[in-house]
Amino acid sequence: MISVFKNKRYKDIFEQYIYKEQKTPLTIGTIVVCGFCFLLLIIATFSECSISIPHLNFHDGIELTFNKINYSPRIPVMIFIIYLLGRNYSLLVFLLYLIIGFFVWPIFVFGGGISYIQNYLFGYFLGFIFAIFISGNILNKSQNAKSKLLAGLFGVLSIHFCGLIYCIILALFGVIKFSIIIPIILTISAGKIIYDLFFSIGVLFIGPYIKNIFWICMKPKPDKKKLKNEKFKNKFNYQNEN
C-alpha cells in the first residue's frame, strides 16, 4: 500500500520531467540549450568526415570502386536543432549565427562578413530559414513517424532548392558564371543530398530520446499550487483506502 501511495503521490512530479510534444517554453534552461545549439551549429560548420560512395566502372568490364567525398553534417544538425527547440527558438539560434558571421567572426564556410552574400554557399544558409518554417510547422502539428519523414524530406529539399535558386540569381547579376552552376549543384546537392536525407531523418527518429534529456532543463516551471492540490488529493485518497 505504501508503494501505491508513493506512486500516486509522485506521479505528477515525474510527469513534469517527461517531454510530451509540448511547445518549448521560455525558461533559463531553454536559453542555455539555445546557446548549446549555437555552438553545435558552429562545430558542424567546420566539421567534415570522409564518406565512400560506390561507383561502377565499365571501362575494363564491370568494376565496383569507391570514391571518397568530404561530408559536413551542417544540414542534419540544423534539422536536429529544429526538432529540439521548435520553430521559434531554432530561428533565433540561426539568426544569431548569421549576425555573428556577418559582423563579429567569420564562422561561415570559407569566411564571413557582409560580402559573404556573394558566395554561392550563402543560398544554402538561407535555405535553413525555409527549413525552419517548413519542418518546424510539420513537427508542431504532429511528431509521429510520418511527420518526421516529411519534416526531414521537405527540410532538406528546401535547403538544396534554395541553394540552386540563389546560384541562378548570382549568375543573373554576374557575380558567378552560369557555367559553374551545374558543377556546384553536382558537388553540393547531387553528390550529398542522399546523405543529408539519411542523417536528417535519422536524427529526427532518435530525437525524442535526446530531447527528453534536454527537456529537464527546458521544461516549464511546475505549477506549485496544482502539485500541492494533487499531493493533498493523493493523501486524502490514501487515508480513505486505509
Protein backbone atom coordinates (compact mmCIF):
# COMPACT_ATOMS: atom_id res chain seq x y z
CA MET A 1 0.00 0.00 0.00
CA ILE A 2 2.83 2.37 0.78
CA SER A 3 4.38 1.85 -2.67
CA VAL A 4 0.99 2.54 -4.29
CA PHE A 5 0.68 5.73 -2.26
CA LYS A 6 4.14 6.85 -3.28
CA ASN A 7 3.46 6.12 -6.94
CA LYS A 8 0.29 8.22 -6.82
CA ARG A 9 1.94 10.92 -4.81
CA TYR A 10 4.93 11.46 -7.06
CA LYS A 11 3.42 10.53 -10.40
CA ASP A 12 2.56 14.14 -11.32
CA ILE A 13 6.00 15.31 -10.24
CA PHE A 14 7.71 12.80 -12.54
CA GLU A 15 5.34 13.75 -15.35
CA GLN A 16 6.78 17.27 -15.25
CA TYR A 17 10.13 15.93 -16.45
CA ILE A 18 8.81 13.92 -19.41
CA TYR A 19 8.56 15.55 -22.83
CA LYS A 20 5.09 15.11 -24.33
CA GLU A 21 5.30 17.19 -27.51
CA GLN A 22 4.74 20.43 -25.61
CA LYS A 23 5.79 23.74 -27.08
CA THR A 24 9.21 24.90 -26.00
CA PRO A 25 8.74 27.39 -23.13
CA LEU A 26 10.78 30.50 -22.42
CA THR A 27 12.94 29.46 -19.50
CA ILE A 28 16.54 29.98 -18.46
CA GLY A 29 17.16 26.36 -19.39
CA THR A 30 15.83 26.98 -22.90
CA ILE A 31 18.22 29.92 -23.34
CA VAL A 32 21.10 27.69 -22.20
CA VAL A 33 20.09 24.98 -24.69
CA CYS A 34 19.88 27.66 -27.43
CA GLY A 35 23.49 28.57 -26.64
CA PHE A 36 24.46 24.92 -26.83
CA CYS A 37 22.73 24.58 -30.23
CA PHE A 38 24.52 27.70 -31.49
CA LEU A 39 27.88 26.16 -30.61
CA LEU A 40 26.77 22.86 -32.12
CA LEU A 41 25.95 24.60 -35.41
CA ILE A 42 29.39 26.24 -35.49
CA ILE A 43 31.09 22.91 -34.79
CA ALA A 44 29.07 21.26 -37.57
CA THR A 45 30.07 24.05 -39.97
CA PHE A 46 33.77 23.28 -39.56
CA SER A 47 33.43 19.51 -39.21
CA GLU A 48 33.95 17.09 -42.07
CA CYS A 49 34.09 13.36 -42.39
CA SER A 50 35.14 11.18 -45.28
CA ILE A 51 32.40 9.04 -46.86
CA SER A 52 32.96 6.42 -49.55
CA ILE A 53 30.47 6.35 -52.43
CA PRO A 54 30.15 3.16 -54.54
CA HIS A 55 30.76 3.71 -58.25
CA LEU A 56 30.51 1.25 -61.13
CA ASN A 57 33.34 1.40 -63.66
CA PHE A 58 32.59 -0.07 -67.12
CA HIS A 59 35.90 0.69 -68.87
CA ASP A 60 37.52 -2.72 -68.35
CA GLY A 61 34.47 -4.81 -67.60
CA ILE A 62 32.29 -4.13 -64.59
CA GLU A 63 34.28 -2.97 -61.60
CA LEU A 64 32.98 -1.59 -58.33
CA THR A 65 35.09 1.24 -56.96
CA PHE A 66 34.59 3.65 -54.09
CA ASN A 67 35.04 7.39 -54.39
CA LYS A 68 35.59 9.35 -51.20
CA ILE A 69 33.84 12.67 -50.56
CA ASN A 70 34.13 15.11 -47.68
CA TYR A 71 30.80 15.45 -45.91
CA SER A 72 29.79 18.14 -43.43
CA PRO A 73 26.82 17.48 -41.09
CA ARG A 74 25.53 21.08 -41.16
CA ILE A 75 22.11 20.23 -42.55
CA PRO A 76 21.33 17.24 -40.27
CA VAL A 77 22.45 19.32 -37.28
CA MET A 78 20.11 22.14 -38.30
CA ILE A 79 17.22 19.69 -38.68
CA PHE A 80 18.02 18.32 -35.22
CA ILE A 81 18.04 21.85 -33.74
CA ILE A 82 14.62 22.48 -35.30
CA TYR A 83 13.27 19.39 -33.57
CA LEU A 84 14.98 20.12 -30.27
CA LEU A 85 13.97 23.78 -29.94
CA GLY A 86 10.94 24.15 -32.17
CA ARG A 87 10.42 26.71 -34.93
CA ASN A 88 10.77 29.97 -32.98
CA TYR A 89 13.85 29.20 -30.91
CA SER A 90 15.68 27.43 -33.75
CA LEU A 91 15.08 30.57 -35.84
CA LEU A 92 16.55 32.63 -33.00
CA VAL A 93 19.65 30.41 -32.96
CA PHE A 94 20.10 30.70 -36.72
CA LEU A 95 19.63 34.49 -36.75
CA LEU A 96 22.29 34.74 -34.03
CA TYR A 97 24.51 32.55 -36.22
CA LEU A 98 24.00 34.93 -39.17
CA ILE A 99 24.64 38.05 -37.09
CA ILE A 100 27.85 36.67 -35.63
CA GLY A 101 29.00 35.52 -39.07
CA PHE A 102 28.23 38.88 -40.68
CA PHE A 103 29.54 41.30 -38.07
CA VAL A 104 31.68 39.55 -35.45
CA TRP A 105 33.54 36.45 -36.56
CA PRO A 106 33.88 34.52 -39.88
CA ILE A 107 32.02 31.39 -38.78
CA PHE A 108 30.58 30.55 -42.19
CA VAL A 109 32.12 28.04 -44.58
CA PHE A 110 35.12 29.74 -46.24
CA GLY A 111 34.73 33.03 -44.39
CA GLY A 112 32.15 35.55 -43.26
CA GLY A 113 31.26 39.23 -43.35
CA ILE A 114 28.59 41.03 -45.36
CA SER A 115 30.41 40.24 -48.60
CA TYR A 116 29.57 36.58 -47.97
CA ILE A 117 26.18 37.17 -49.61
CA GLN A 118 28.06 36.97 -52.90
CA ASN A 119 29.19 33.45 -52.09
CA TYR A 120 27.12 30.70 -53.73
CA LEU A 121 27.09 28.79 -50.43
CA PHE A 122 25.06 31.55 -48.79
CA GLY A 123 21.98 30.30 -50.64
CA TYR A 124 22.17 27.06 -48.69
CA PHE A 125 22.34 29.01 -45.43
CA LEU A 126 19.25 30.99 -46.45
CA GLY A 127 17.59 27.66 -47.09
CA PHE A 128 17.89 26.96 -43.36
CA ILE A 129 15.21 29.61 -42.78
CA PHE A 130 12.79 27.83 -45.12
CA ALA A 131 13.62 24.52 -43.46
CA ILE A 132 12.93 26.01 -40.03
CA PHE A 133 9.44 27.13 -41.04
CA ILE A 134 8.56 24.09 -43.15
CA SER A 135 9.93 21.38 -40.86
CA GLY A 136 9.02 23.33 -37.74
CA ASN A 137 5.38 23.65 -38.79
CA ILE A 138 5.16 19.96 -39.65
CA LEU A 139 6.61 18.93 -36.29
CA ASN A 140 4.42 21.41 -34.42
CA LYS A 141 1.31 19.66 -35.75
CA SER A 142 2.49 16.13 -35.07
CA GLN A 143 5.64 14.19 -34.26
CA ASN A 144 4.65 10.74 -35.43
CA ALA A 145 6.77 8.72 -37.86
CA LYS A 146 5.09 10.16 -40.97
CA SER A 147 5.59 13.74 -39.77
CA LYS A 148 9.25 13.11 -39.05
CA LEU A 149 9.76 11.67 -42.52
CA LEU A 150 8.04 14.67 -44.12
CA ALA A 151 9.90 17.15 -41.91
CA GLY A 152 13.25 15.62 -42.82
CA LEU A 153 12.41 15.31 -46.51
CA PHE A 154 10.97 18.78 -47.08
CA GLY A 155 13.50 20.42 -44.78
CA VAL A 156 16.47 19.04 -46.70
CA LEU A 157 14.91 19.62 -50.13
CA SER A 158 14.06 23.24 -49.27
CA ILE A 159 17.70 23.92 -48.33
CA HIS A 160 19.09 22.45 -51.54
CA PHE A 161 16.40 24.08 -53.69
CA CYS A 162 17.15 27.47 -52.15
CA GLY A 163 20.86 26.91 -52.85
CA LEU A 164 20.09 26.24 -56.51
CA ILE A 165 17.86 29.32 -56.88
CA TYR A 166 20.45 31.52 -55.18
CA CYS A 167 23.17 30.33 -57.57
CA ILE A 168 20.95 31.24 -60.52
CA ILE A 169 20.29 34.69 -59.03
CA LEU A 170 24.02 35.29 -58.53
CA ALA A 171 24.63 34.26 -62.15
CA LEU A 172 21.91 36.63 -63.38
CA PHE A 173 23.63 39.50 -61.58
CA GLY A 174 27.03 38.49 -62.96
CA VAL A 175 28.50 37.53 -59.58
CA ILE A 176 29.27 34.00 -60.76
CA LYS A 177 29.28 32.39 -64.21
CA PHE A 178 26.40 30.24 -65.41
CA SER A 179 28.92 27.59 -66.41
CA ILE A 180 29.79 26.78 -62.79
CA ILE A 181 26.20 26.33 -61.58
CA ILE A 182 25.96 22.72 -62.73
CA PRO A 183 29.32 21.72 -61.13
CA ILE A 184 28.22 23.41 -57.89
CA ILE A 185 24.91 21.55 -57.82
CA LEU A 186 26.56 18.24 -58.71
CA THR A 187 29.13 18.67 -55.95
CA ILE A 188 26.95 20.04 -53.15
CA SER A 189 23.47 18.75 -53.89
CA ALA A 190 23.55 15.74 -56.20
CA GLY A 191 26.59 14.27 -54.50
CA LYS A 192 25.50 14.73 -50.88
CA ILE A 193 21.72 15.17 -50.68
CA ILE A 194 21.14 11.46 -50.10
CA TYR A 195 23.35 11.64 -47.01
CA ASP A 196 21.61 14.80 -45.82
CA LEU A 197 18.27 13.00 -46.10
CA PHE A 198 19.51 9.85 -44.39
CA PHE A 199 21.14 11.59 -41.43
CA SER A 200 18.42 14.24 -41.06
CA ILE A 201 15.61 11.69 -40.89
CA GLY A 202 17.79 9.56 -38.62
CA VAL A 203 18.29 12.35 -36.05
CA LEU A 204 14.55 13.06 -36.06
CA PHE A 205 13.82 9.47 -35.07
CA ILE A 206 16.38 9.41 -32.27
CA GLY A 207 15.49 12.99 -31.33
CA PRO A 208 12.89 12.11 -28.65
CA TYR A 209 15.46 10.23 -26.59
CA ILE A 210 17.85 13.17 -26.72
CA LYS A 211 15.15 15.79 -26.17
CA ASN A 212 13.98 14.04 -23.01
CA ILE A 213 17.42 14.79 -21.55
CA PHE A 214 17.34 18.47 -22.55
CA TRP A 215 13.70 18.80 -21.52
CA ILE A 216 14.79 18.55 -17.89
CA CYS A 217 16.40 21.97 -18.42
CA MET A 218 13.79 23.45 -20.76
CA LYS A 219 10.60 22.26 -19.03
CA PRO A 220 8.22 24.96 -17.77
CA LYS A 221 8.20 25.79 -14.08
CA PRO A 222 5.92 23.40 -12.20
CA ASP A 223 2.59 24.75 -11.00
CA LYS A 224 3.16 24.59 -7.24
CA LYS A 225 -0.50 25.17 -6.48
CA LYS A 226 -1.52 22.28 -8.71
CA LEU A 227 1.13 20.00 -7.24
CA LYS A 228 0.01 20.95 -3.73
CA ASN A 229 -3.59 20.15 -4.58
CA GLU A 230 -2.58 16.84 -6.14
CA LYS A 231 -0.49 15.99 -3.11
CA PHE A 232 -3.43 16.71 -0.79
CA LYS A 233 -5.79 14.74 -3.02
CA ASN A 234 -3.50 11.70 -3.13
CA LYS A 235 -3.01 11.85 0.64
CA PHE A 236 -6.77 12.07 1.18
CA ASN A 237 -7.38 9.10 -1.12
CA TYR A 238 -4.69 7.10 0.64
CA GLN A 239 -6.24 7.77 4.05
CA ASN A 240 -9.67 6.72 2.77
CA GLU A 241 -8.26 3.50 1.37
CA ASN A 242 -6.84 2.69 4.77
